[in-house]
C-alpha atoms as a PDB file:
ATOM      1  CA  UNK A   1     139.913 -95.790 -54.662  1.00  0.00           C
ATOM      2  CA  UNK A   2     137.135 -94.387 -56.487  1.00  0.00           C
ATOM      3  CA  UNK A   3     136.334 -93.467 -60.683  1.00  0.00           C
ATOM      4  CA  UNK A   4     133.478 -92.136 -62.849  1.00  0.00           C
ATOM      5  CA  UNK A   5     132.869 -94.660 -65.673  1.00  0.00           C
ATOM      6  CA  UNK A   6     130.502 -94.854 -68.798  1.00  0.00           C
ATOM      7  CA  UNK A   7     127.394 -97.225 -69.118  1.00  0.00           C
ATOM      8  CA  UNK A   8     128.278 -98.932 -72.417  1.00  0.00           C
ATOM      9  CA  UNK A   9     125.357-102.277 -71.773  1.00  0.00           C
ATOM     10  CA  UNK A  10     123.031-103.826 -69.360  1.00  0.00           C
ATOM     11  CA  UNK A  11     122.423-107.207 -68.541  1.00  0.00           C
ATOM     12  CA  UNK A  12     120.039-108.256 -65.687  1.00  0.00           C
ATOM     13  CA  UNK A  13     122.166-107.842 -62.644  1.00  0.00           C
ATOM     14  CA  UNK A  14     125.177-106.795 -64.846  1.00  0.00           C
ATOM     15  CA  UNK A  15     126.379-103.458 -66.385  1.00  0.00           C
ATOM     16  CA  UNK A  16     129.412-102.577 -68.515  1.00  0.00           C
ATOM     17  CA  UNK A  17     131.352 -99.557 -67.649  1.00  0.00           C
ATOM     18  CA  UNK A  18     134.008 -98.344 -69.551  1.00  0.00           C
ATOM     19  CA  UNK A  19     136.319 -95.576 -68.200  1.00  0.00           C
ATOM     20  CA  UNK A  20     139.819 -94.473 -68.395  1.00  0.00           C
ATOM     21  CA  UNK A  21     142.904 -94.963 -66.926  1.00  0.00           C
ATOM     22  CA  UNK A  22     144.408 -91.711 -65.010  1.00  0.00           C
ATOM     23  CA  UNK A  23     147.593 -90.633 -63.572  1.00  0.00           C
ATOM     24  CA  UNK A  24     148.194 -88.610 -61.308  1.00  0.00           C
ATOM     25  CA  UNK A  25     149.605 -85.810 -63.591  1.00  0.00           C
ATOM     26  CA  UNK A  26     146.637 -84.049 -63.732  1.00  0.00           C
ATOM     27  CA  UNK A  27     147.412 -82.491 -60.632  1.00  0.00           C
ATOM     28  CA  UNK A  28     151.023 -82.186 -60.444  1.00  0.00           C
ATOM     29  CA  UNK A  29     152.630 -79.017 -60.045  1.00  0.00           C
ATOM     30  CA  UNK A  30     155.352 -80.416 -62.360  1.00  0.00           C
ATOM     31  CA  UNK A  31     153.264 -81.717 -65.440  1.00  0.00           C
ATOM     32  CA  UNK A  32     154.506 -79.000 -67.886  1.00  0.00           C
ATOM     33  CA  UNK A  33     158.413 -79.705 -66.549  1.00  0.00           C
ATOM     34  CA  UNK A  34     157.983 -83.639 -67.036  1.00  0.00           C
ATOM     35  CA  UNK A  35     158.554 -85.779 -68.907  1.00  0.00           C
ATOM     36  CA  UNK A  36     155.665 -88.321 -67.655  1.00  0.00           C
ATOM     37  CA  UNK A  37     153.501 -85.749 -67.892  1.00  0.00           C
ATOM     38  CA  UNK A  38     154.520 -84.575 -71.376  1.00  0.00           C
ATOM     39  CA  UNK A  39     153.675 -87.473 -72.710  1.00  0.00           C
ATOM     40  CA  UNK A  40     150.663 -88.141 -70.363  1.00  0.00           C
ATOM     41  CA  UNK A  41     149.238 -85.198 -72.420  1.00  0.00           C
ATOM     42  CA  UNK A  42     150.529 -86.158 -75.665  1.00  0.00           C
ATOM     43  CA  UNK A  43     149.023 -89.901 -76.186  1.00  0.00           C
ATOM     44  CA  UNK A  44     145.150 -90.276 -74.237  1.00  0.00           C
ATOM     45  CA  UNK A  45     144.753 -92.882 -71.093  1.00  0.00           C
ATOM     46  CA  UNK A  46     143.794 -96.268 -72.204  1.00  0.00           C
ATOM     47  CA  UNK A  47     139.687 -97.005 -72.364  1.00  0.00           C
ATOM     48  CA  UNK A  48     139.363-100.541 -69.789  1.00  0.00           C
ATOM     49  CA  UNK A  49     135.881-101.860 -69.606  1.00  0.00           C
ATOM     50  CA  UNK A  50     134.835-103.766 -66.570  1.00  0.00           C
ATOM     51  CA  UNK A  51     132.197-105.931 -65.207  1.00  0.00           C
ATOM     52  CA  UNK A  52     129.747-105.002 -62.333  1.00  0.00           C
ATOM     53  CA  UNK A  53     127.514-107.140 -60.691  1.00  0.00           C
ATOM     54  CA  UNK A  54     124.483-104.659 -59.455  1.00  0.00           C
ATOM     55  CA  UNK A  55     120.374-104.888 -58.888  1.00  0.00           C
ATOM     56  CA  UNK A  56     120.241-100.996 -59.333  1.00  0.00           C
ATOM     57  CA  UNK A  57     118.388 -99.509 -62.321  1.00  0.00           C
ATOM     58  CA  UNK A  58     121.098 -98.141 -64.855  1.00  0.00           C
ATOM     59  CA  UNK A  59     120.647 -97.588 -68.891  1.00  0.00           C
ATOM     60  CA  UNK A  60     123.513 -97.566 -70.742  1.00  0.00           C
ATOM     61  CA  UNK A  61     125.067 -93.468 -71.573  1.00  0.00           C
ATOM     62  CA  UNK A  62     124.950 -93.088 -67.773  1.00  0.00           C
ATOM     63  CA  UNK A  63     127.427 -91.952 -65.588  1.00  0.00           C
ATOM     64  CA  UNK A  64     128.531 -93.713 -62.225  1.00  0.00           C
ATOM     65  CA  UNK A  65     130.829 -93.962 -59.878  1.00  0.00           C
ATOM     66  CA  UNK A  66     132.419 -96.995 -59.562  1.00  0.00           C
ATOM     67  CA  UNK A  67     135.266 -97.964 -56.370  1.00  0.00           C
ATOM     68  CA  UNK A  68     137.376-100.795 -55.177  1.00  0.00           C
ATOM     69  CA  UNK A  69     138.306-101.025 -51.416  1.00  0.00           C
ATOM     70  CA  UNK A  70     141.791 -99.320 -50.192  1.00  0.00           C
ATOM     71  CA  UNK A  71     142.703-103.002 -48.550  1.00  0.00           C
ATOM     72  CA  UNK A  72     142.755-104.605 -52.020  1.00  0.00           C
ATOM     73  CA  UNK A  73     144.820-101.804 -53.792  1.00  0.00           C
ATOM     74  CA  UNK A  74     147.357-102.347 -51.302  1.00  0.00           C
ATOM     75  CA  UNK A  75     147.232-106.122 -51.379  1.00  0.00           C
ATOM     76  CA  UNK A  76     147.388-106.005 -55.156  1.00  0.00           C
ATOM     77  CA  UNK A  77     150.425-103.282 -54.876  1.00  0.00           C
ATOM     78  CA  UNK A  78     152.192-105.495 -52.261  1.00  0.00           C
ATOM     79  CA  UNK A  79     151.916-108.820 -54.492  1.00  0.00           C
ATOM     80  CA  UNK A  80     152.773-106.684 -57.954  1.00  0.00           C
ATOM     81  CA  UNK A  81     155.467-105.036 -56.503  1.00  0.00           C
ATOM     82  CA  UNK A  82     156.914-105.882 -52.872  1.00  0.00           C
ATOM     83  CA  UNK A  83     157.429-109.869 -53.533  1.00  0.00           C
ATOM     84  CA  UNK A  84     159.041-110.355 -56.864  1.00  0.00           C
ATOM     85  CA  UNK A  85     161.566-107.252 -55.453  1.00  0.00           C
ATOM     86  CA  UNK A  86     162.318-109.083 -52.419  1.00  0.00           C
ATOM     87  CA  UNK A  87     162.803-112.183 -53.830  1.00  0.00           C
ATOM     88  CA  UNK A  88     165.267-110.186 -55.988  1.00  0.00           C
ATOM     89  CA  UNK A  89     167.182-108.911 -52.650  1.00  0.00           C
ATOM     90  CA  UNK A  90     166.691-112.528 -51.311  1.00  0.00           C
ATOM     91  CA  UNK A  91     168.279-113.875 -54.423  1.00  0.00           C
ATOM     92  CA  UNK A  92     171.206-111.515 -54.400  1.00  0.00           C
ATOM     93  CA  UNK A  93     171.982-112.312 -50.940  1.00  0.00           C
ATOM     94  CA  UNK A  94     172.153-115.682 -51.295  1.00  0.00           C
ATOM     95  CA  UNK A  95     173.929-114.997 -54.334  1.00  0.00           C
ATOM     96  CA  UNK A  96     176.871-113.021 -52.732  1.00  0.00           C
ATOM     97  CA  UNK A  97     176.780-116.024 -50.166  1.00  0.00           C
ATOM     98  CA  UNK A  98     177.354-118.688 -52.212  1.00  0.00           C
ATOM     99  CA  UNK A  99     179.113-117.473 -55.333  1.00  0.00           C
ATOM    100  CA  UNK A 100     181.497-115.028 -53.846  1.00  0.00           C
ATOM    101  CA  UNK A 101     181.992-116.191 -50.161  1.00  0.00           C
ATOM    102  CA  UNK A 102     182.146-119.971 -50.640  1.00  0.00           C
ATOM    103  CA  UNK A 103     183.229-120.427 -54.202  1.00  0.00           C
ATOM    104  CA  UNK A 104     185.186-117.359 -54.567  1.00  0.00           C
ATOM    105  CA  UNK A 105     183.336-116.879 -57.461  1.00  0.00           C
ATOM    106  CA  UNK A 106     182.951-113.875 -59.330  1.00  0.00           C
ATOM    107  CA  UNK A 107     179.716-111.676 -59.576  1.00  0.00           C
ATOM    108  CA  UNK A 108     178.130-112.968 -62.565  1.00  0.00           C
ATOM    109  CA  UNK A 109     176.887-116.053 -60.432  1.00  0.00           C
ATOM    110  CA  UNK A 110     175.601-113.061 -57.873  1.00  0.00           C
ATOM    111  CA  UNK A 111     173.679-111.297 -60.699  1.00  0.00           C
ATOM    112  CA  UNK A 112     171.997-114.507 -62.626  1.00  0.00           C
ATOM    113  CA  UNK A 113     171.226-115.451 -59.162  1.00  0.00           C
ATOM    114  CA  UNK A 114     169.058-112.503 -58.342  1.00  0.00           C
ATOM    115  CA  UNK A 115     167.230-112.192 -62.037  1.00  0.00           C
ATOM    116  CA  UNK A 116     166.165-115.660 -61.816  1.00  0.00           C
ATOM    117  CA  UNK A 117     164.929-114.763 -57.880  1.00  0.00           C
ATOM    118  CA  UNK A 118     163.336-112.313 -59.392  1.00  0.00           C
ATOM    119  CA  UNK A 119     161.578-113.651 -62.168  1.00  0.00           C
ATOM    120  CA  UNK A 120     160.343-116.500 -59.413  1.00  0.00           C
ATOM    121  CA  UNK A 121     159.352-113.473 -57.553  1.00  0.00           C
ATOM    122  CA  UNK A 122     157.593-112.224 -60.688  1.00  0.00           C
ATOM    123  CA  UNK A 123     155.739-116.122 -61.396  1.00  0.00           C
ATOM    124  CA  UNK A 124     154.792-116.715 -57.755  1.00  0.00           C
ATOM    125  CA  UNK A 125     153.112-113.099 -57.472  1.00  0.00           C
ATOM    126  CA  UNK A 126     151.476-113.852 -60.962  1.00  0.00           C
ATOM    127  CA  UNK A 127     149.981-117.412 -59.688  1.00  0.00           C
ATOM    128  CA  UNK A 128     148.638-115.548 -56.263  1.00  0.00           C
ATOM    129  CA  UNK A 129     147.061-112.617 -58.117  1.00  0.00           C
ATOM    130  CA  UNK A 130     145.508-115.566 -60.223  1.00  0.00           C
ATOM    131  CA  UNK A 131     143.934-116.731 -57.214  1.00  0.00           C
ATOM    132  CA  UNK A 132     142.800-114.402 -55.657  1.00  0.00           C
ATOM    133  CA  UNK A 133     141.644-112.214 -58.960  1.00  0.00           C
ATOM    134  CA  UNK A 134     137.740-114.081 -58.852  1.00  0.00           C
ATOM    135  CA  UNK A 135     137.608-112.869 -54.532  1.00  0.00           C
ATOM    136  CA  UNK A 136     134.520-110.475 -54.292  1.00  0.00           C
ATOM    137  CA  UNK A 137     137.112-107.788 -52.513  1.00  0.00           C
ATOM    138  CA  UNK A 138     139.186-107.364 -55.832  1.00  0.00           C
ATOM    139  CA  UNK A 139     136.376-106.573 -57.694  1.00  0.00           C
ATOM    140  CA  UNK A 140     134.818-103.339 -58.447  1.00  0.00           C
ATOM    141  CA  UNK A 141     131.458-102.263 -57.033  1.00  0.00           C
ATOM    142  CA  UNK A 142     128.703 -99.432 -58.322  1.00  0.00           C
ATOM    143  CA  UNK A 143     128.437 -96.859 -55.434  1.00  0.00           C
ATOM    144  CA  UNK A 144     126.441 -95.030 -57.319  1.00  0.00           C
ATOM    145  CA  UNK A 145     124.585 -93.687 -60.340  1.00  0.00           C
ATOM    146  CA  UNK A 146     124.963 -90.163 -61.053  1.00  0.00           C
ATOM    147  CA  UNK A 147     122.708 -90.215 -64.252  1.00  0.00           C
ATOM    148  CA  UNK A 148     123.319 -89.322 -68.331  1.00  0.00           C
ATOM    149  CA  UNK A 149     126.050 -86.720 -68.584  1.00  0.00           C
ATOM    150  CA  UNK A 150     125.020 -83.479 -69.305  1.00  0.00           C
ATOM    151  CA  UNK A 151     125.543 -81.796 -72.723  1.00  0.00           C
ATOM    152  CA  UNK A 152     127.736 -79.118 -73.179  1.00  0.00           C
ATOM    153  CA  UNK A 153     124.673 -77.583 -75.920  1.00  0.00           C
ATOM    154  CA  UNK A 154     122.740 -77.221 -72.645  1.00  0.00           C
ATOM    155  CA  UNK A 155     125.055 -76.375 -69.845  1.00  0.00           C
ATOM    156  CA  UNK A 156     124.396 -72.607 -68.066  1.00  0.00           C
ATOM    157  CA  UNK A 157     127.718 -70.047 -66.842  1.00  0.00           C
ATOM    158  CA  UNK A 158     126.446 -68.419 -64.550  1.00  0.00           C
ATOM    159  CA  UNK A 159     129.308 -67.586 -63.513  1.00  0.00           C
ATOM    160  CA  UNK A 160     129.431 -64.483 -66.229  1.00  0.00           C
ATOM    161  CA  UNK A 161     125.806 -63.180 -65.276  1.00  0.00           C
ATOM    162  CA  UNK A 162     126.574 -63.175 -61.528  1.00  0.00           C
ATOM    163  CA  UNK A 163     129.868 -61.406 -61.554  1.00  0.00           C
ATOM    164  CA  UNK A 164     130.214 -57.349 -61.688  1.00  0.00           C
END
């Protein structure tokens, strides 16, 4: 996964970059008819600030390309989404077996067991995420420095002169 970011601070061996959270709505053909697409146009994306270790020469205002490995993204998504969902399903099955099959009770016990299991799954996911957070594989890295952004006043549109 790659993204463009602007350098906002430079320290020896480390830069701080700011990048805007992107949604997939920008490339979706249904964005004008979708509630999520309309909301994403109305509300600006969140700005994220990240510290990245680098020895490359960079100055404040430069545009850089940063990246995160696909493996770490997939592992994080599995941790955050699949683990709590798996705990919810297992908790539901356990509650069904325990409260309905063995005790002959009602569905309330099944629902409570499922919710408690999902909460435990979220807690476990959070604990595991905190353990791997400091690992270098889960930190963004600098791919390349693109340089200073071009001012809109200096941009030349060659298409108007060349088309004819």
